[in-house]
């Protein structure tokens, strides 16, 4: 039995997905948060372990596991959509102004 958490997702890329992720990784006009996500998936497709892929992508091991799973469920488009934050309640901001008149 190996130490630590085992990699549970095997990332397989077709040519279209690999080309799209490579272009995201090399595009300096992309939002900065997309670049490490593309690197994580590309390094995982090269069969690097999480211990090797995490420092190369500039991410933590749990982040690598999370984004591998996210890519396996939703593909390249799932990496580019930010669904991690929920909408804030705008009514509270109107009721409690920061500065009183």
PDB file of N, CA and C in Angstrom:
ATOM      1  N   UNK A   1       0.846  -1.178   0.000  1.00  0.00           N
ATOM      2  CA  UNK A   1       0.000   0.000   0.000  1.00  0.00           C
ATOM      3  C   UNK A   1       0.889   1.237   0.000  1.00  0.00           C
ATOM      4  N   UNK A   2       0.634   2.166  -0.883  1.00  0.00           N
ATOM      5  CA  UNK A   2       1.434   3.381  -0.966  1.00  0.00           C
ATOM      6  C   UNK A   2       0.961   4.400   0.063  1.00  0.00           C
ATOM      7  N   UNK A   3       1.869   5.306   0.419  1.00  0.00           N
ATOM      8  CA  UNK A   3       1.528   6.337   1.386  1.00  0.00           C
ATOM      9  C   UNK A   3       0.761   7.463   0.719  1.00  0.00           C
ATOM     10  N   UNK A   4      -0.097   8.123   1.465  1.00  0.00           N
ATOM     11  CA  UNK A   4      -0.832   9.269   0.943  1.00  0.00           C
ATOM     12  C   UNK A   4      -2.035   8.859   0.120  1.00  0.00           C
ATOM     13  N   UNK A   5      -2.625   9.850  -0.502  1.00  0.00           N
ATOM     14  CA  UNK A   5      -3.825   9.643  -1.300  1.00  0.00           C
ATOM     15  C   UNK A   5      -3.451   9.206  -2.711  1.00  0.00           C
ATOM     16  N   UNK A   6      -4.058   8.175  -3.199  1.00  0.00           N
ATOM     17  CA  UNK A   6      -3.777   7.676  -4.532  1.00  0.00           C
ATOM     18  C   UNK A   6      -4.538   8.483  -5.569  1.00  0.00           C
ATOM     19  N   UNK A   7      -3.957   8.573  -6.744  1.00  0.00           N
ATOM     20  CA  UNK A   7      -4.631   9.280  -7.829  1.00  0.00           C
ATOM     21  C   UNK A   7      -5.782   8.422  -8.319  1.00  0.00           C
ATOM     22  N   UNK A   8      -6.965   8.981  -8.316  1.00  0.00           N
ATOM     23  CA  UNK A   8      -8.147   8.204  -8.676  1.00  0.00           C
ATOM     24  C   UNK A   8      -8.653   8.517 -10.076  1.00  0.00           C
ATOM     25  N   UNK A   9      -8.121   9.568 -10.709  1.00  0.00           N
ATOM     26  CA  UNK A   9      -8.583   9.970 -12.021  1.00  0.00           C
ATOM     27  C   UNK A   9      -7.453   9.773 -13.025  1.00  0.00           C
ATOM     28  N   UNK A  10      -7.751   9.105 -14.111  1.00  0.00           N
ATOM     29  CA  UNK A  10      -6.791   8.932 -15.192  1.00  0.00           C
ATOM     30  C   UNK A  10      -7.199   9.882 -16.316  1.00  0.00           C
ATOM     31  N   UNK A  11      -6.350  10.863 -16.606  1.00  0.00           N
ATOM     32  CA  UNK A  11      -6.689  11.881 -17.595  1.00  0.00           C
ATOM     33  C   UNK A  11      -6.263  11.402 -18.978  1.00  0.00           C
ATOM     34  N   UNK A  12      -7.215  11.312 -19.884  1.00  0.00           N
ATOM     35  CA  UNK A  12      -6.959  10.967 -21.277  1.00  0.00           C
ATOM     36  C   UNK A  12      -7.407  12.129 -22.153  1.00  0.00           C
ATOM     37  N   UNK A  13      -6.521  12.558 -23.050  1.00  0.00           N
ATOM     38  CA  UNK A  13      -6.836  13.698 -23.914  1.00  0.00           C
ATOM     39  C   UNK A  13      -6.868  13.260 -25.364  1.00  0.00           C
ATOM     40  N   UNK A  14      -7.867  13.738 -26.103  1.00  0.00           N
ATOM     41  CA  UNK A  14      -7.833  13.572 -27.546  1.00  0.00           C
ATOM     42  C   UNK A  14      -7.052  14.749 -28.138  1.00  0.00           C
ATOM     43  N   UNK A  15      -6.814  14.731 -29.416  1.00  0.00           N
ATOM     44  CA  UNK A  15      -5.986  15.765 -30.049  1.00  0.00           C
ATOM     45  C   UNK A  15      -6.611  17.156 -29.940  1.00  0.00           C
ATOM     46  N   UNK A  16      -7.930  17.234 -30.058  1.00  0.00           N
ATOM     47  CA  UNK A  16      -8.599  18.544 -29.977  1.00  0.00           C
ATOM     48  C   UNK A  16      -8.457  19.144 -28.581  1.00  0.00           C
ATOM     49  N   UNK A  17      -8.676  18.332 -27.549  1.00  0.00           N
ATOM     50  CA  UNK A  17      -8.556  18.829 -26.179  1.00  0.00           C
ATOM     51  C   UNK A  17      -7.114  19.202 -25.858  1.00  0.00           C
ATOM     52  N   UNK A  18      -6.153  18.386 -26.323  1.00  0.00           N
ATOM     53  CA  UNK A  18      -4.740  18.692 -26.085  1.00  0.00           C
ATOM     54  C   UNK A  18      -4.351  20.002 -26.770  1.00  0.00           C
ATOM     55  N   UNK A  19      -4.807  20.208 -27.993  1.00  0.00           N
ATOM     56  CA  UNK A  19      -4.496  21.451 -28.708  1.00  0.00           C
ATOM     57  C   UNK A  19      -5.123  22.652 -28.020  1.00  0.00           C
ATOM     58  N   UNK A  20      -6.346  22.503 -27.551  1.00  0.00           N
ATOM     59  CA  UNK A  20      -7.024  23.617 -26.864  1.00  0.00           C
ATOM     60  C   UNK A  20      -6.326  23.972 -25.554  1.00  0.00           C
ATOM     61  N   UNK A  21      -5.943  22.964 -24.773  1.00  0.00           N
ATOM     62  CA  UNK A  21      -5.255  23.212 -23.505  1.00  0.00           C
ATOM     63  C   UNK A  21      -3.866  23.794 -23.729  1.00  0.00           C
ATOM     64  N   UNK A  22      -3.179  23.347 -24.778  1.00  0.00           N
ATOM     65  CA  UNK A  22      -1.861  23.900 -25.098  1.00  0.00           C
ATOM     66  C   UNK A  22      -1.977  25.356 -25.504  1.00  0.00           C
ATOM     67  N   UNK A  23      -3.011  25.701 -26.253  1.00  0.00           N
ATOM     68  CA  UNK A  23      -3.194  27.102 -26.642  1.00  0.00           C
ATOM     69  C   UNK A  23      -3.565  27.968 -25.433  1.00  0.00           C
ATOM     70  N   UNK A  24      -4.347  27.429 -24.499  1.00  0.00           N
ATOM     71  CA  UNK A  24      -4.670  28.171 -23.279  1.00  0.00           C
ATOM     72  C   UNK A  24      -3.407  28.398 -22.458  1.00  0.00           C
ATOM     73  N   UNK A  25      -2.570  27.371 -22.365  1.00  0.00           N
ATOM     74  CA  UNK A  25      -1.348  27.462 -21.580  1.00  0.00           C
ATOM     75  C   UNK A  25      -0.377  28.499 -22.155  1.00  0.00           C
ATOM     76  N   UNK A  26      -0.367  28.664 -23.474  1.00  0.00           N
ATOM     77  CA  UNK A  26       0.563  29.592 -24.093  1.00  0.00           C
ATOM     78  C   UNK A  26       0.009  30.970 -24.382  1.00  0.00           C
ATOM     79  N   UNK A  27      -1.268  31.183 -24.148  1.00  0.00           N
ATOM     80  CA  UNK A  27      -1.906  32.461 -24.470  1.00  0.00           C
ATOM     81  C   UNK A  27      -1.775  33.424 -23.298  1.00  0.00           C
ATOM     82  N   UNK A  28      -1.006  34.475 -23.466  1.00  0.00           N
ATOM     83  CA  UNK A  28      -0.802  35.407 -22.361  1.00  0.00           C
ATOM     84  C   UNK A  28      -1.964  36.373 -22.161  1.00  0.00           C
ATOM     85  N   UNK A  29      -2.936  36.371 -23.062  1.00  0.00           N
ATOM     86  CA  UNK A  29      -4.103  37.246 -22.931  1.00  0.00           C
ATOM     87  C   UNK A  29      -5.255  36.550 -22.221  1.00  0.00           C
ATOM     88  N   UNK A  30      -5.085  35.292 -21.868  1.00  0.00           N
ATOM     89  CA  UNK A  30      -6.095  34.545 -21.117  1.00  0.00           C
ATOM     90  C   UNK A  30      -6.162  35.033 -19.680  1.00  0.00           C
ATOM     91  N   UNK A  31      -7.279  34.842 -18.999  1.00  0.00           N
ATOM     92  CA  UNK A  31      -7.285  35.108 -17.560  1.00  0.00           C
ATOM     93  C   UNK A  31      -6.254  34.217 -16.871  1.00  0.00           C
ATOM     94  N   UNK A  32      -5.554  34.780 -15.897  1.00  0.00           N
ATOM     95  CA  UNK A  32      -4.439  34.077 -15.276  1.00  0.00           C
ATOM     96  C   UNK A  32      -4.865  32.772 -14.608  1.00  0.00           C
ATOM     97  N   UNK A  33      -6.093  32.683 -14.132  1.00  0.00           N
ATOM     98  CA  UNK A  33      -6.531  31.476 -13.433  1.00  0.00           C
ATOM     99  C   UNK A  33      -6.698  30.283 -14.371  1.00  0.00           C
ATOM    100  N   UNK A  34      -6.831  30.503 -15.679  1.00  0.00           N
ATOM    101  CA  UNK A  34      -6.993  29.394 -16.621  1.00  0.00           C
ATOM    102  C   UNK A  34      -5.680  28.679 -16.895  1.00  0.00           C
ATOM    103  N   UNK A  35      -4.558  29.381 -16.803  1.00  0.00           N
ATOM    104  CA  UNK A  35      -3.272  28.811 -17.191  1.00  0.00           C
ATOM    105  C   UNK A  35      -2.850  27.659 -16.270  1.00  0.00           C
ATOM    106  N   UNK A  36      -2.875  27.806 -14.939  1.00  0.00           N
ATOM    107  CA  UNK A  36      -2.511  26.649 -14.104  1.00  0.00           C
ATOM    108  C   UNK A  36      -3.461  25.468 -14.265  1.00  0.00           C
ATOM    109  N   UNK A  37      -4.717  25.730 -14.542  1.00  0.00           N
ATOM    110  CA  UNK A  37      -5.669  24.634 -14.738  1.00  0.00           C
ATOM    111  C   UNK A  37      -5.328  23.841 -15.986  1.00  0.00           C
ATOM    112  N   UNK A  38      -4.961  24.543 -17.058  1.00  0.00           N
ATOM    113  CA  UNK A  38      -4.546  23.862 -18.278  1.00  0.00           C
ATOM    114  C   UNK A  38      -3.262  23.074 -18.039  1.00  0.00           C
ATOM    115  N   UNK A  39      -2.334  23.643 -17.283  1.00  0.00           N
ATOM    116  CA  UNK A  39      -1.082  22.935 -16.979  1.00  0.00           C
ATOM    117  C   UNK A  39      -1.343  21.675 -16.166  1.00  0.00           C
ATOM    118  N   UNK A  40      -2.237  21.756 -15.206  1.00  0.00           N
ATOM    119  CA  UNK A  40      -2.558  20.584 -14.389  1.00  0.00           C
ATOM    120  C   UNK A  40      -3.038  19.440 -15.262  1.00  0.00           C
ATOM    121  N   UNK A  41      -3.947  19.722 -16.165  1.00  0.00           N
ATOM    122  CA  UNK A  41      -4.505  18.661 -17.004  1.00  0.00           C
ATOM    123  C   UNK A  41      -3.459  18.149 -17.987  1.00  0.00           C
ATOM    124  N   UNK A  42      -2.653  19.036 -18.570  1.00  0.00           N
ATOM    125  CA  UNK A  42      -1.619  18.590 -19.500  1.00  0.00           C
ATOM    126  C   UNK A  42      -0.566  17.726 -18.809  1.00  0.00           C
ATOM    127  N   UNK A  43      -0.144  18.120 -17.625  1.00  0.00           N
ATOM    128  CA  UNK A  43       0.830  17.320 -16.886  1.00  0.00           C
ATOM    129  C   UNK A  43       0.240  15.988 -16.438  1.00  0.00           C
ATOM    130  N   UNK A  44      -1.028  15.974 -16.093  1.00  0.00           N
ATOM    131  CA  UNK A  44      -1.683  14.732 -15.706  1.00  0.00           C
ATOM    132  C   UNK A  44      -1.817  13.790 -16.894  1.00  0.00           C
ATOM    133  N   UNK A  45      -2.021  14.346 -18.075  1.00  0.00           N
ATOM    134  CA  UNK A  45      -2.123  13.514 -19.276  1.00  0.00           C
ATOM    135  C   UNK A  45      -0.781  12.899 -19.651  1.00  0.00           C
ATOM    136  N   UNK A  46       0.319  13.505 -19.195  1.00  0.00           N
ATOM    137  CA  UNK A  46       1.657  12.948 -19.425  1.00  0.00           C
ATOM    138  C   UNK A  46       2.001  11.877 -18.400  1.00  0.00           C
ATOM    139  N   UNK A  47       1.056  11.510 -17.574  1.00  0.00           N
ATOM    140  CA  UNK A  47       1.186  10.471 -16.559  1.00  0.00           C
ATOM    141  C   UNK A  47       2.169  10.833 -15.450  1.00  0.00           C
ATOM    142  N   UNK A  48       2.290  12.124 -15.143  1.00  0.00           N
ATOM    143  CA  UNK A  48       3.079  12.529 -13.992  1.00  0.00           C
ATOM    144  C   UNK A  48       2.264  12.305 -12.731  1.00  0.00           C
ATOM    145  N   UNK A  49       2.940  11.970 -11.658  1.00  0.00           N
ATOM    146  CA  UNK A  49       2.229  11.810 -10.397  1.00  0.00           C
ATOM    147  C   UNK A  49       1.805  13.181  -9.879  1.00  0.00           C
ATOM    148  N   UNK A  50       0.914  13.174  -8.913  1.00  0.00           N
ATOM    149  CA  UNK A  50       0.447  14.426  -8.336  1.00  0.00           C
ATOM    150  C   UNK A  50       1.599  15.157  -7.655  1.00  0.00           C
ATOM    151  N   UNK A  51       2.500  14.405  -7.032  1.00  0.00           N
ATOM    152  CA  UNK A  51       3.663  15.010  -6.384  1.00  0.00           C
ATOM    153  C   UNK A  51       4.563  15.736  -7.383  1.00  0.00           C
ATOM    154  N   UNK A  52       4.638  15.251  -8.618  1.00  0.00           N
ATOM    155  CA  UNK A  52       5.444  15.903  -9.649  1.00  0.00           C
ATOM    156  C   UNK A  52       4.674  17.019 -10.355  1.00  0.00           C
ATOM    157  N   UNK A  53       3.386  16.816 -10.559  1.00  0.00           N
ATOM    158  CA  UNK A  53       2.589  17.789 -11.309  1.00  0.00           C
ATOM    159  C   UNK A  53       2.280  19.041 -10.499  1.00  0.00           C
ATOM    160  N   UNK A  54       2.078  18.904  -9.202  1.00  0.00           N
ATOM    161  CA  UNK A  54       1.681  20.050  -8.380  1.00  0.00           C
ATOM    162  C   UNK A  54       2.708  21.184  -8.402  1.00  0.00           C
ATOM    163  N   UNK A  55       4.005  20.943  -8.139  1.00  0.00           N
ATOM    164  CA  UNK A  55       4.943  22.067  -8.184  1.00  0.00           C
ATOM    165  C   UNK A  55       5.142  22.633  -9.583  1.00  0.00           C
ATOM    166  N   UNK A  56       5.072  21.786 -10.591  1.00  0.00           N
ATOM    167  CA  UNK A  56       5.233  22.277 -11.971  1.00  0.00           C
ATOM    168  C   UNK A  56       4.074  23.173 -12.392  1.00  0.00           C
ATOM    169  N   UNK A  57       2.883  22.869 -11.893  1.00  0.00           N
ATOM    170  CA  UNK A  57       1.710  23.678 -12.234  1.00  0.00           C
ATOM    171  C   UNK A  57       1.533  24.859 -11.280  1.00  0.00           C
ATOM    172  N   UNK A  58       2.283  24.874 -10.191  1.00  0.00           N
ATOM    173  CA  UNK A  58       2.139  25.949  -9.214  1.00  0.00           C
ATOM    174  C   UNK A  58       0.881  25.813  -8.387  1.00  0.00           C
ATOM    175  N   UNK A  59       0.513  24.571  -8.069  1.00  0.00           N
ATOM    176  CA  UNK A  59      -0.715  24.312  -7.315  1.00  0.00           C
ATOM    177  C   UNK A  59      -0.422  23.318  -6.198  1.00  0.00           C
ATOM    178  N   UNK A  60      -1.349  23.192  -5.282  1.00  0.00           N
ATOM    179  CA  UNK A  60      -1.223  22.208  -4.216  1.00  0.00           C
ATOM    180  C   UNK A  60      -1.714  20.847  -4.707  1.00  0.00           C
ATOM    181  N   UNK A  61      -1.363  19.800  -3.969  1.00  0.00           N
ATOM    182  CA  UNK A  61      -1.825  18.461  -4.347  1.00  0.00           C
ATOM    183  C   UNK A  61      -3.344  18.343  -4.302  1.00  0.00           C
ATOM    184  N   UNK A  62      -4.030  18.864  -3.268  1.00  0.00           N
ATOM    185  CA  UNK A  62      -5.497  18.786  -3.298  1.00  0.00           C
ATOM    186  C   UNK A  62      -6.109  19.538  -4.481  1.00  0.00           C
ATOM    187  N   UNK A  63      -5.475  20.641  -4.889  1.00  0.00           N
ATOM    188  CA  UNK A  63      -5.982  21.375  -6.051  1.00  0.00           C
ATOM    189  C   UNK A  63      -5.828  20.548  -7.316  1.00  0.00           C
ATOM    190  N   UNK A  64      -4.713  19.827  -7.435  1.00  0.00           N
ATOM    191  CA  UNK A  64      -4.517  18.971  -8.604  1.00  0.00           C
ATOM    192  C   UNK A  64      -5.573  17.881  -8.637  1.00  0.00           C
ATOM    193  N   UNK A  65      -5.832  17.237  -7.506  1.00  0.00           N
ATOM    194  CA  UNK A  65      -6.866  16.202  -7.473  1.00  0.00           C
ATOM    195  C   UNK A  65      -8.228  16.775  -7.825  1.00  0.00           C
ATOM    196  N   UNK A  66      -8.524  17.953  -7.280  1.00  0.00           N
ATOM    197  CA  UNK A  66      -9.824  18.576  -7.528  1.00  0.00           C
ATOM    198  C   UNK A  66     -10.011  18.898  -9.005  1.00  0.00           C
ATOM    199  N   UNK A  67      -8.987  19.481  -9.648  1.00  0.00           N
ATOM    200  CA  UNK A  67      -9.137  19.872 -11.040  1.00  0.00           C
ATOM    201  C   UNK A  67      -9.065  18.687 -11.997  1.00  0.00           C
ATOM    202  N   UNK A  68      -8.361  17.616 -11.611  1.00  0.00           N
ATOM    203  CA  UNK A  68      -8.409  16.390 -12.404  1.00  0.00           C
ATOM    204  C   UNK A  68      -9.824  15.836 -12.417  1.00  0.00           C
ATOM    205  N   UNK A  69     -10.436  15.800 -11.256  1.00  0.00           N
ATOM    206  CA  UNK A  69     -11.816  15.308 -11.149  1.00  0.00           C
ATOM    207  C   UNK A  69     -12.772  16.211 -11.922  1.00  0.00           C
ATOM    208  N   UNK A  70     -12.577  17.516 -11.801  1.00  0.00           N
ATOM    209  CA  UNK A  70     -13.436  18.473 -12.497  1.00  0.00           C
ATOM    210  C   UNK A  70     -13.313  18.301 -14.015  1.00  0.00           C
ATOM    211  N   UNK A  71     -12.085  18.102 -14.512  1.00  0.00           N
ATOM    212  CA  UNK A  71     -11.890  17.889 -15.949  1.00  0.00           C
ATOM    213  C   UNK A  71     -12.528  16.580 -16.390  1.00  0.00           C
ATOM    214  N   UNK A  72     -12.405  15.531 -15.575  1.00  0.00           N
ATOM    215  CA  UNK A  72     -12.995  14.242 -15.936  1.00  0.00           C
ATOM    216  C   UNK A  72     -14.512  14.334 -16.036  1.00  0.00           C
ATOM    217  N   UNK A  73     -15.129  15.177 -15.214  1.00  0.00           N
ATOM    218  CA  UNK A  73     -16.587  15.298 -15.229  1.00  0.00           C
ATOM    219  C   UNK A  73     -17.093  16.231 -16.319  1.00  0.00           C
ATOM    220  N   UNK A  74     -16.375  17.352 -16.585  1.00  0.00           N
ATOM    221  CA  UNK A  74     -16.931  18.377 -17.457  1.00  0.00           C
ATOM    222  C   UNK A  74     -16.081  18.743 -18.668  1.00  0.00           C
ATOM    223  N   UNK A  75     -14.864  18.236 -18.774  1.00  0.00           N
ATOM    224  CA  UNK A  75     -14.026  18.515 -19.935  1.00  0.00           C
ATOM    225  C   UNK A  75     -13.382  19.893 -19.875  1.00  0.00           C
ATOM    226  N   UNK A  76     -12.889  20.344 -21.033  1.00  0.00           N
ATOM    227  CA  UNK A  76     -12.169  21.613 -21.113  1.00  0.00           C
ATOM    228  C   UNK A  76     -13.075  22.786 -20.756  1.00  0.00           C
ATOM    229  N   UNK A  77     -14.301  22.778 -21.224  1.00  0.00           N
ATOM    230  CA  UNK A  77     -15.220  23.879 -20.924  1.00  0.00           C
ATOM    231  C   UNK A  77     -15.493  23.993 -19.430  1.00  0.00           C
ATOM    232  N   UNK A  78     -15.485  22.881 -18.725  1.00  0.00           N
ATOM    233  CA  UNK A  78     -15.700  22.910 -17.293  1.00  0.00           C
ATOM    234  C   UNK A  78     -14.578  23.595 -16.540  1.00  0.00           C
ATOM    235  N   UNK A  79     -13.363  23.561 -17.097  1.00  0.00           N
ATOM    236  CA  UNK A  79     -12.239  24.246 -16.462  1.00  0.00           C
ATOM    237  C   UNK A  79     -12.354  25.760 -16.592  1.00  0.00           C
ATOM    238  N   UNK A  80     -12.988  26.212 -17.651  1.00  0.00           N
ATOM    239  CA  UNK A  80     -13.027  27.641 -17.943  1.00  0.00           C
ATOM    240  C   UNK A  80     -14.189  28.359 -17.277  1.00  0.00           C
ATOM    241  N   UNK A  81     -15.175  27.629 -16.780  1.00  0.00           N
ATOM    242  CA  UNK A  81     -16.323  28.248 -16.115  1.00  0.00           C
ATOM    243  C   UNK A  81     -16.089  28.263 -14.621  1.00  0.00           C
ATOM    244  N   UNK A  82     -16.280  29.407 -14.004  1.00  0.00           N
ATOM    245  CA  UNK A  82     -16.063  29.545 -12.570  1.00  0.00           C
ATOM    246  C   UNK A  82     -17.380  29.325 -11.848  1.00  0.00           C
ATOM    247  N   UNK A  83     -17.578  28.118 -11.334  1.00  0.00           N
ATOM    248  CA  UNK A  83     -18.792  27.808 -10.599  1.00  0.00           C
ATOM    249  C   UNK A  83     -18.507  27.659  -9.112  1.00  0.00           C
ATOM    250  N   UNK A  84     -17.337  28.085  -8.667  1.00  0.00           N
ATOM    251  CA  UNK A  84     -16.966  27.857  -7.278  1.00  0.00           C
ATOM    252  C   UNK A  84     -17.568  28.881  -6.335  1.00  0.00           C
ATOM    253  N   UNK A  85     -18.013  30.014  -6.843  1.00  0.00           N
ATOM    254  CA  UNK A  85     -18.574  31.046  -5.973  1.00  0.00           C
ATOM    255  C   UNK A  85     -20.062  31.219  -6.257  1.00  0.00           C
ATOM    256  N   UNK A  86     -20.813  31.398  -5.192  1.00  0.00           N
ATOM    257  CA  UNK A  86     -22.234  31.637  -5.383  1.00  0.00           C
ATOM    258  C   UNK A  86     -22.488  33.143  -5.396  1.00  0.00           C
ATOM    259  N   UNK A  87     -23.598  33.521  -5.919  1.00  0.00           N
ATOM    260  CA  UNK A  87     -23.944  34.941  -6.017  1.00  0.00           C
ATOM    261  C   UNK A  87     -24.185  35.513  -4.627  1.00  0.00           C
ATOM    262  N   UNK A  88     -23.775  36.746  -4.443  1.00  0.00           N
ATOM    263  CA  UNK A  88     -23.994  37.416  -3.160  1.00  0.00           C
ATOM    264  C   UNK A  88     -25.383  38.022  -3.116  1.00  0.00           C
ATOM    265  N   UNK A  89     -25.893  38.157  -1.934  1.00  0.00           N
ATOM    266  CA  UNK A  89     -27.202  38.755  -1.739  1.00  0.00           C
ATOM    267  C   UNK A  89     -27.053  40.276  -1.844  1.00  0.00           C
ATOM    268  N   UNK A  90     -27.605  40.873  -2.862  1.00  0.00           N
ATOM    269  CA  UNK A  90     -27.463  42.315  -3.086  1.00  0.00           C
ATOM    270  C   UNK A  90     -28.366  43.142  -2.169  1.00  0.00           C
ATOM    271  N   UNK A  91     -29.416  42.553  -1.625  1.00  0.00           N
ATOM    272  CA  UNK A  91     -30.337  43.312  -0.780  1.00  0.00           C
ATOM    273  C   UNK A  91     -29.671  43.764   0.510  1.00  0.00           C
ATOM    274  N   UNK A  92     -28.812  42.965   1.076  1.00  0.00           N
ATOM    275  CA  UNK A  92     -28.154  43.347   2.321  1.00  0.00           C
ATOM    276  C   UNK A  92     -27.286  44.575   2.140  1.00  0.00           C
ATOM    277  N   UNK A  93     -26.638  44.687   1.008  1.00  0.00           N
ATOM    278  CA  UNK A  93     -25.791  45.846   0.778  1.00  0.00           C
ATOM    279  C   UNK A  93     -26.617  47.122   0.730  1.00  0.00           C
ATOM    280  N   UNK A  94     -27.846  47.029   0.217  1.00  0.00           N
ATOM    281  CA  UNK A  94     -28.704  48.208   0.155  1.00  0.00           C
ATOM    282  C   UNK A  94     -29.229  48.586   1.546  1.00  0.00           C
ATOM    283  N   UNK A  95     -29.461  47.601   2.417  1.00  0.00           N
ATOM    284  CA  UNK A  95     -29.999  47.880   3.743  1.00  0.00           C
ATOM    285  C   UNK A  95     -28.940  48.393   4.708  1.00  0.00           C
ATOM    286  N   UNK A  96     -27.701  47.987   4.544  1.00  0.00           N
ATOM    287  CA  UNK A  96     -26.640  48.371   5.465  1.00  0.00           C
ATOM    288  C   UNK A  96     -25.541  49.118   4.720  1.00  0.00           C
ATOM    289  N   UNK A  97     -25.755  50.398   4.465  1.00  0.00           N
ATOM    290  CA  UNK A  97     -24.716  51.153   3.758  1.00  0.00           C
ATOM    291  C   UNK A  97     -23.472  51.320   4.633  1.00  0.00           C
ATOM    292  N   UNK A  98     -22.349  51.377   3.994  1.00  0.00           N
ATOM    293  CA  UNK A  98     -21.081  51.496   4.717  1.00  0.00           C
ATOM    294  C   UNK A  98     -20.943  52.858   5.403  1.00  0.00           C
ATOM    295  N   UNK A  99     -21.361  53.886   4.716  1.00  0.00           N
ATOM    296  CA  UNK A  99     -21.253  55.238   5.258  1.00  0.00           C
ATOM    297  C   UNK A  99     -22.653  55.827   5.411  1.00  0.00           C
ATOM    298  N   UNK A 100     -22.926  56.399   6.572  1.00  0.00           N
ATOM    299  CA  UNK A 100     -24.231  57.001   6.811  1.00  0.00           C
ATOM    300  C   UNK A 100     -24.221  58.443   6.338  1.00  0.00           C
ATOM    301  N   UNK A 101     -25.329  58.897   5.766  1.00  0.00           N
ATOM    302  CA  UNK A 101     -25.371  60.302   5.283  1.00  0.00           C
ATOM    303  C   UNK A 101     -25.422  61.315   6.395  1.00  0.00           C
TER     304      UNK A 101
END
